[in-house]
Amino acid sequence: MKILKSTDKIRITTQTEEPISVTIRPMTVSQKIEIASKVKIVKGNEIQDHNAQALLCIKFCLLEISGVQNYDGTGYALDFADGYLSDSCADDIMSCLSEASLLLPVVLGSNKNIGAITGVSIEVNPK
């Protein structure tokens, strides 16, 4: 069995006309627990808050991004605080990139999910 360490890096690139590439790190167990605890009440029932989970996932995992520009055409730069993506930067990514959802199966699921995402290429510990 192969495992991903929390120090590994994973590059995910969309296979689209204008590719977007992100480099992420796997989450620690405590980060996964924090994400799993994000729930909301809907019609009296407690359900997982998938938007809050995705936002935290992006904040904890995203290390690099390419293929994204600011509206004025300048390159988009990630902003970090305390070693993780800043809240405002995570919000920017979550708000504008549907591709951000590609992170979830990789970092929340088991290692077998790494090759199971269609429409992307995945590289572990890229050089």
N, C-alpha and C. Protein backbone atom coordinates (compact mmCIF):
# COMPACT_ATOMS: atom_id res chain seq x y z
N MET A 1 0.84 -1.17 0.00
CA MET A 1 0.00 0.00 0.00
C MET A 1 0.89 1.24 0.00
N LYS A 2 0.49 2.24 -0.78
CA LYS A 2 1.20 3.50 -0.82
C LYS A 2 0.46 4.51 0.05
N ILE A 3 1.20 5.34 0.75
CA ILE A 3 0.57 6.37 1.58
C ILE A 3 1.09 7.74 1.14
N LEU A 4 0.30 8.75 1.44
CA LEU A 4 0.73 10.12 1.25
C LEU A 4 1.05 10.71 2.62
N LYS A 5 2.23 11.28 2.75
CA LYS A 5 2.61 11.94 3.99
C LYS A 5 2.13 13.38 3.92
N SER A 6 1.95 14.00 5.08
CA SER A 6 1.49 15.39 5.09
C SER A 6 2.53 16.34 4.50
N THR A 7 3.74 15.86 4.29
CA THR A 7 4.79 16.67 3.66
C THR A 7 4.84 16.49 2.15
N ASP A 8 4.09 15.53 1.60
CA ASP A 8 4.07 15.32 0.16
C ASP A 8 3.34 16.48 -0.53
N LYS A 9 3.61 16.62 -1.80
CA LYS A 9 2.91 17.62 -2.62
C LYS A 9 2.26 16.90 -3.78
N ILE A 10 1.08 17.37 -4.16
CA ILE A 10 0.32 16.77 -5.25
C ILE A 10 -0.05 17.89 -6.22
N ARG A 11 0.33 17.75 -7.48
CA ARG A 11 -0.05 18.72 -8.50
C ARG A 11 -1.23 18.17 -9.30
N ILE A 12 -2.28 18.97 -9.38
CA ILE A 12 -3.47 18.61 -10.13
C ILE A 12 -3.64 19.65 -11.24
N THR A 13 -3.75 19.19 -12.48
CA THR A 13 -3.89 20.08 -13.62
C THR A 13 -5.13 19.71 -14.40
N THR A 14 -5.99 20.70 -14.65
CA THR A 14 -7.18 20.42 -15.45
C THR A 14 -6.77 20.20 -16.89
N GLN A 15 -7.45 19.32 -17.56
CA GLN A 15 -7.18 19.05 -18.96
C GLN A 15 -8.22 19.80 -19.79
N THR A 16 -8.11 21.11 -19.77
CA THR A 16 -9.04 22.00 -20.45
C THR A 16 -8.27 22.89 -21.41
N GLU A 17 -9.02 23.67 -22.21
CA GLU A 17 -8.38 24.56 -23.17
C GLU A 17 -7.41 25.54 -22.49
N GLU A 18 -7.82 26.07 -21.35
CA GLU A 18 -6.96 26.94 -20.54
C GLU A 18 -6.73 26.24 -19.21
N PRO A 19 -5.69 25.39 -19.13
CA PRO A 19 -5.49 24.58 -17.93
C PRO A 19 -5.19 25.41 -16.68
N ILE A 20 -5.68 24.92 -15.57
CA ILE A 20 -5.38 25.48 -14.27
C ILE A 20 -4.66 24.39 -13.50
N SER A 21 -3.57 24.75 -12.86
CA SER A 21 -2.79 23.79 -12.10
C SER A 21 -2.72 24.25 -10.65
N VAL A 22 -2.97 23.32 -9.73
CA VAL A 22 -2.83 23.60 -8.31
C VAL A 22 -1.90 22.57 -7.69
N THR A 23 -1.13 23.02 -6.73
CA THR A 23 -0.30 22.10 -5.95
C THR A 23 -0.85 22.14 -4.53
N ILE A 24 -1.13 20.95 -4.00
CA ILE A 24 -1.72 20.85 -2.68
C ILE A 24 -0.88 19.93 -1.80
N ARG A 25 -1.16 19.97 -0.52
CA ARG A 25 -0.55 19.03 0.42
C ARG A 25 -1.69 18.25 1.07
N PRO A 26 -1.45 16.99 1.41
CA PRO A 26 -2.47 16.22 2.13
C PRO A 26 -2.72 16.83 3.51
N MET A 27 -3.91 16.63 4.01
CA MET A 27 -4.25 17.14 5.33
C MET A 27 -3.79 16.19 6.41
N THR A 28 -3.60 16.76 7.59
CA THR A 28 -3.32 15.95 8.77
C THR A 28 -4.64 15.39 9.30
N VAL A 29 -4.56 14.42 10.18
CA VAL A 29 -5.77 13.84 10.78
C VAL A 29 -6.55 14.91 11.53
N SER A 30 -5.87 15.77 12.27
CA SER A 30 -6.58 16.81 13.02
C SER A 30 -7.29 17.79 12.09
N GLN A 31 -6.71 18.07 10.93
CA GLN A 31 -7.38 18.94 9.95
C GLN A 31 -8.62 18.25 9.38
N LYS A 32 -8.51 16.95 9.11
CA LYS A 32 -9.67 16.21 8.61
C LYS A 32 -10.79 16.19 9.65
N ILE A 33 -10.44 16.07 10.92
CA ILE A 33 -11.44 16.08 11.99
C ILE A 33 -12.12 17.44 12.05
N GLU A 34 -11.32 18.51 11.93
CA GLU A 34 -11.90 19.85 11.95
C GLU A 34 -12.87 20.06 10.79
N ILE A 35 -12.49 19.58 9.63
CA ILE A 35 -13.36 19.71 8.46
C ILE A 35 -14.65 18.89 8.65
N ALA A 36 -14.51 17.68 9.16
CA ALA A 36 -15.69 16.82 9.36
C ALA A 36 -16.66 17.42 10.38
N SER A 37 -16.16 18.27 11.25
CA SER A 37 -17.03 18.86 12.28
C SER A 37 -17.88 20.01 11.75
N LYS A 38 -17.66 20.43 10.51
CA LYS A 38 -18.43 21.53 9.94
C LYS A 38 -19.82 21.02 9.54
N VAL A 39 -20.81 21.38 10.34
CA VAL A 39 -22.19 20.96 10.09
C VAL A 39 -23.10 22.19 10.15
N LYS A 40 -24.31 22.02 9.64
CA LYS A 40 -25.33 23.06 9.74
C LYS A 40 -26.67 22.38 9.99
N ILE A 41 -27.63 23.15 10.45
CA ILE A 41 -28.97 22.64 10.71
C ILE A 41 -29.89 23.05 9.56
N VAL A 42 -30.50 22.06 8.93
CA VAL A 42 -31.45 22.30 7.85
C VAL A 42 -32.74 21.57 8.18
N LYS A 43 -33.82 22.33 8.33
CA LYS A 43 -35.13 21.75 8.67
C LYS A 43 -35.04 20.86 9.90
N GLY A 44 -34.27 21.32 10.89
CA GLY A 44 -34.15 20.59 12.14
C GLY A 44 -33.18 19.42 12.13
N ASN A 45 -32.54 19.18 10.99
CA ASN A 45 -31.59 18.07 10.88
C ASN A 45 -30.17 18.60 10.73
N GLU A 46 -29.24 17.95 11.41
CA GLU A 46 -27.84 18.32 11.30
C GLU A 46 -27.26 17.62 10.07
N ILE A 47 -26.72 18.43 9.15
CA ILE A 47 -26.09 17.88 7.94
C ILE A 47 -24.72 18.51 7.76
N GLN A 48 -23.88 17.87 6.98
CA GLN A 48 -22.55 18.42 6.72
C GLN A 48 -22.67 19.69 5.89
N ASP A 49 -21.89 20.69 6.25
CA ASP A 49 -21.85 21.95 5.52
C ASP A 49 -20.72 21.84 4.49
N HIS A 50 -21.07 21.37 3.29
CA HIS A 50 -20.07 21.09 2.27
C HIS A 50 -19.30 22.34 1.83
N ASN A 51 -19.97 23.50 1.81
CA ASN A 51 -19.26 24.72 1.43
C ASN A 51 -18.20 25.08 2.47
N ALA A 52 -18.54 24.99 3.74
CA ALA A 52 -17.57 25.28 4.80
C ALA A 52 -16.44 24.26 4.78
N GLN A 53 -16.76 23.01 4.48
CA GLN A 53 -15.73 21.98 4.40
C GLN A 53 -14.78 22.25 3.23
N ALA A 54 -15.33 22.61 2.08
CA ALA A 54 -14.50 22.89 0.91
C ALA A 54 -13.60 24.10 1.15
N LEU A 55 -14.14 25.14 1.80
CA LEU A 55 -13.35 26.33 2.09
C LEU A 55 -12.17 26.00 3.00
N LEU A 56 -12.41 25.22 4.05
CA LEU A 56 -11.31 24.82 4.94
C LEU A 56 -10.31 23.93 4.21
N CYS A 57 -10.81 23.05 3.37
CA CYS A 57 -9.94 22.16 2.59
C CYS A 57 -8.97 22.99 1.74
N ILE A 58 -9.50 24.00 1.07
CA ILE A 58 -8.67 24.87 0.24
C ILE A 58 -7.66 25.60 1.11
N LYS A 59 -8.12 26.12 2.23
CA LYS A 59 -7.24 26.86 3.13
C LYS A 59 -6.08 25.99 3.64
N PHE A 60 -6.39 24.78 4.05
CA PHE A 60 -5.37 23.88 4.60
C PHE A 60 -4.41 23.33 3.54
N CYS A 61 -4.91 23.10 2.34
CA CYS A 61 -4.15 22.29 1.38
C CYS A 61 -3.47 23.04 0.25
N LEU A 62 -4.04 24.14 -0.22
CA LEU A 62 -3.52 24.79 -1.41
C LEU A 62 -2.17 25.44 -1.15
N LEU A 63 -1.19 25.10 -1.98
CA LEU A 63 0.16 25.65 -1.86
C LEU A 63 0.54 26.56 -3.03
N GLU A 64 0.10 26.19 -4.24
CA GLU A 64 0.45 26.94 -5.45
C GLU A 64 -0.71 26.86 -6.42
N ILE A 65 -0.81 27.87 -7.29
CA ILE A 65 -1.81 27.85 -8.36
C ILE A 65 -1.22 28.54 -9.58
N SER A 66 -1.51 28.03 -10.77
CA SER A 66 -1.09 28.69 -12.00
C SER A 66 -2.23 28.59 -13.01
N GLY A 67 -2.21 29.49 -13.98
CA GLY A 67 -3.27 29.52 -14.97
C GLY A 67 -4.44 30.40 -14.56
N VAL A 68 -4.24 31.21 -13.52
CA VAL A 68 -5.29 32.10 -13.01
C VAL A 68 -4.75 33.52 -13.02
N GLN A 69 -5.59 34.47 -13.47
CA GLN A 69 -5.19 35.87 -13.51
C GLN A 69 -6.22 36.72 -12.78
N ASN A 70 -5.74 37.88 -12.31
CA ASN A 70 -6.66 38.88 -11.79
C ASN A 70 -7.46 39.46 -12.95
N TYR A 71 -8.52 40.15 -12.66
CA TYR A 71 -9.39 40.71 -13.70
C TYR A 71 -8.62 41.65 -14.63
N ASP A 72 -7.62 42.36 -14.11
CA ASP A 72 -6.85 43.29 -14.93
C ASP A 72 -5.77 42.60 -15.77
N GLY A 73 -5.70 41.27 -15.70
CA GLY A 73 -4.76 40.51 -16.51
C GLY A 73 -3.43 40.21 -15.83
N THR A 74 -3.22 40.76 -14.65
CA THR A 74 -1.99 40.46 -13.92
C THR A 74 -2.09 39.07 -13.28
N GLY A 75 -0.97 38.49 -12.98
CA GLY A 75 -0.95 37.16 -12.38
C GLY A 75 -1.55 37.15 -10.98
N TYR A 76 -2.29 36.12 -10.67
CA TYR A 76 -2.88 35.98 -9.34
C TYR A 76 -1.85 35.35 -8.41
N ALA A 77 -1.70 35.93 -7.24
CA ALA A 77 -0.75 35.41 -6.26
C ALA A 77 -1.48 34.98 -5.00
N LEU A 78 -1.14 33.82 -4.50
CA LEU A 78 -1.73 33.35 -3.25
C LEU A 78 -1.14 34.12 -2.08
N ASP A 79 -1.96 34.29 -1.04
CA ASP A 79 -1.55 34.99 0.17
C ASP A 79 -1.67 34.02 1.34
N PHE A 80 -0.61 33.91 2.13
CA PHE A 80 -0.58 32.95 3.23
C PHE A 80 -0.51 33.67 4.57
N ALA A 81 -1.09 33.05 5.58
CA ALA A 81 -1.03 33.55 6.96
C ALA A 81 -0.82 32.34 7.87
N ASP A 82 0.19 32.38 8.69
CA ASP A 82 0.50 31.28 9.62
C ASP A 82 0.67 29.94 8.91
N GLY A 83 1.25 29.96 7.70
CA GLY A 83 1.54 28.73 6.98
C GLY A 83 0.39 28.17 6.16
N TYR A 84 -0.77 28.81 6.22
CA TYR A 84 -1.93 28.34 5.46
C TYR A 84 -2.49 29.50 4.64
N LEU A 85 -3.25 29.17 3.63
CA LEU A 85 -3.87 30.17 2.79
C LEU A 85 -4.69 31.13 3.64
N SER A 86 -4.59 32.43 3.37
CA SER A 86 -5.35 33.41 4.14
C SER A 86 -6.85 33.21 3.88
N ASP A 87 -7.67 33.67 4.81
CA ASP A 87 -9.13 33.55 4.66
C ASP A 87 -9.61 34.23 3.39
N SER A 88 -9.12 35.44 3.12
CA SER A 88 -9.59 36.16 1.93
C SER A 88 -9.15 35.47 0.65
N CYS A 89 -7.96 34.92 0.64
CA CYS A 89 -7.46 34.22 -0.54
C CYS A 89 -8.24 32.92 -0.76
N ALA A 90 -8.51 32.17 0.31
CA ALA A 90 -9.31 30.95 0.19
C ALA A 90 -10.70 31.28 -0.33
N ASP A 91 -11.26 32.41 0.12
CA ASP A 91 -12.57 32.85 -0.35
C ASP A 91 -12.53 33.19 -1.84
N ASP A 92 -11.46 33.87 -2.29
CA ASP A 92 -11.31 34.19 -3.72
C ASP A 92 -11.32 32.91 -4.55
N ILE A 93 -10.52 31.94 -4.14
CA ILE A 93 -10.41 30.69 -4.88
C ILE A 93 -11.75 29.96 -4.90
N MET A 94 -12.38 29.87 -3.75
CA MET A 94 -13.67 29.17 -3.63
C MET A 94 -14.74 29.85 -4.47
N SER A 95 -14.71 31.17 -4.52
CA SER A 95 -15.74 31.93 -5.23
C SER A 95 -15.63 31.84 -6.74
N CYS A 96 -14.41 31.70 -7.25
CA CYS A 96 -14.26 31.82 -8.70
C CYS A 96 -13.88 30.53 -9.43
N LEU A 97 -13.46 29.51 -8.71
CA LEU A 97 -12.96 28.33 -9.40
C LEU A 97 -13.80 27.10 -9.08
N SER A 98 -14.56 26.64 -10.04
CA SER A 98 -15.26 25.38 -9.80
C SER A 98 -14.27 24.24 -9.72
N GLU A 99 -13.09 24.43 -10.32
CA GLU A 99 -12.05 23.40 -10.26
C GLU A 99 -11.54 23.18 -8.85
N ALA A 100 -11.80 24.12 -7.95
CA ALA A 100 -11.36 23.95 -6.57
C ALA A 100 -11.97 22.70 -5.95
N SER A 101 -13.13 22.30 -6.45
CA SER A 101 -13.78 21.10 -5.92
C SER A 101 -12.98 19.83 -6.23
N LEU A 102 -12.03 19.93 -7.15
CA LEU A 102 -11.19 18.77 -7.47
C LEU A 102 -10.29 18.39 -6.30
N LEU A 103 -10.05 19.32 -5.40
CA LEU A 103 -9.20 19.02 -4.25
C LEU A 103 -9.84 18.04 -3.29
N LEU A 104 -11.14 18.11 -3.14
CA LEU A 104 -11.82 17.33 -2.11
C LEU A 104 -11.58 15.84 -2.19
N PRO A 105 -11.78 15.20 -3.36
CA PRO A 105 -11.57 13.74 -3.38
C PRO A 105 -10.15 13.33 -3.03
N VAL A 106 -9.18 14.16 -3.38
CA VAL A 106 -7.79 13.80 -3.13
C VAL A 106 -7.45 13.90 -1.66
N VAL A 107 -7.82 15.01 -1.02
CA VAL A 107 -7.36 15.21 0.35
C VAL A 107 -8.30 14.65 1.40
N LEU A 108 -9.58 14.49 1.07
CA LEU A 108 -10.50 13.93 2.05
C LEU A 108 -10.62 12.42 1.95
N GLY A 109 -10.43 11.90 0.75
CA GLY A 109 -10.63 10.48 0.54
C GLY A 109 -9.38 9.68 0.82
N SER A 110 -9.46 8.43 0.48
CA SER A 110 -8.31 7.56 0.66
C SER A 110 -7.35 7.73 -0.51
N ASN A 111 -6.18 7.17 -0.39
CA ASN A 111 -5.18 7.30 -1.44
C ASN A 111 -5.63 6.71 -2.76
N LYS A 112 -6.55 5.77 -2.74
CA LYS A 112 -7.00 5.17 -4.00
C LYS A 112 -7.74 6.17 -4.87
N ASN A 113 -8.20 7.29 -4.30
CA ASN A 113 -8.91 8.30 -5.08
C ASN A 113 -7.98 9.15 -5.94
N ILE A 114 -6.72 9.07 -5.71
CA ILE A 114 -5.79 9.96 -6.41
C ILE A 114 -5.90 9.81 -7.92
N GLY A 115 -5.98 8.64 -8.43
CA GLY A 115 -6.07 8.46 -9.87
C GLY A 115 -7.48 8.37 -10.42
N ALA A 116 -8.47 8.57 -9.57
CA ALA A 116 -9.85 8.33 -9.97
C ALA A 116 -10.61 9.57 -10.44
N ILE A 117 -9.95 10.71 -10.54
CA ILE A 117 -10.62 11.93 -10.97
C ILE A 117 -10.46 12.07 -12.47
N THR A 118 -11.55 12.22 -13.19
CA THR A 118 -11.48 12.35 -14.64
C THR A 118 -11.32 13.82 -15.02
N GLY A 119 -10.67 14.07 -16.15
CA GLY A 119 -10.49 15.42 -16.65
C GLY A 119 -9.33 16.18 -16.05
N VAL A 120 -8.48 15.49 -15.30
CA VAL A 120 -7.30 16.13 -14.71
C VAL A 120 -6.12 15.18 -14.79
N SER A 121 -4.93 15.77 -14.73
CA SER A 121 -3.73 14.94 -14.55
C SER A 121 -3.23 15.18 -13.14
N ILE A 122 -2.68 14.15 -12.54
CA ILE A 122 -2.23 14.22 -11.15
C ILE A 122 -0.81 13.72 -11.04
N GLU A 123 0.02 14.48 -10.34
CA GLU A 123 1.43 14.15 -10.15
C GLU A 123 1.74 14.25 -8.66
N VAL A 124 2.28 13.22 -8.08
CA VAL A 124 2.66 13.24 -6.66
C VAL A 124 4.14 13.61 -6.57
N ASN A 125 4.44 14.57 -5.71
CA ASN A 125 5.80 15.10 -5.51
C ASN A 125 6.46 15.50 -6.82
N PRO A 126 5.84 16.47 -7.53
CA PRO A 126 6.41 16.91 -8.80
C PRO A 126 7.78 17.54 -8.61
N LYS A 127 8.61 17.39 -9.60
CA LYS A 127 9.98 17.92 -9.54
C LYS A 127 9.98 19.38 -9.94
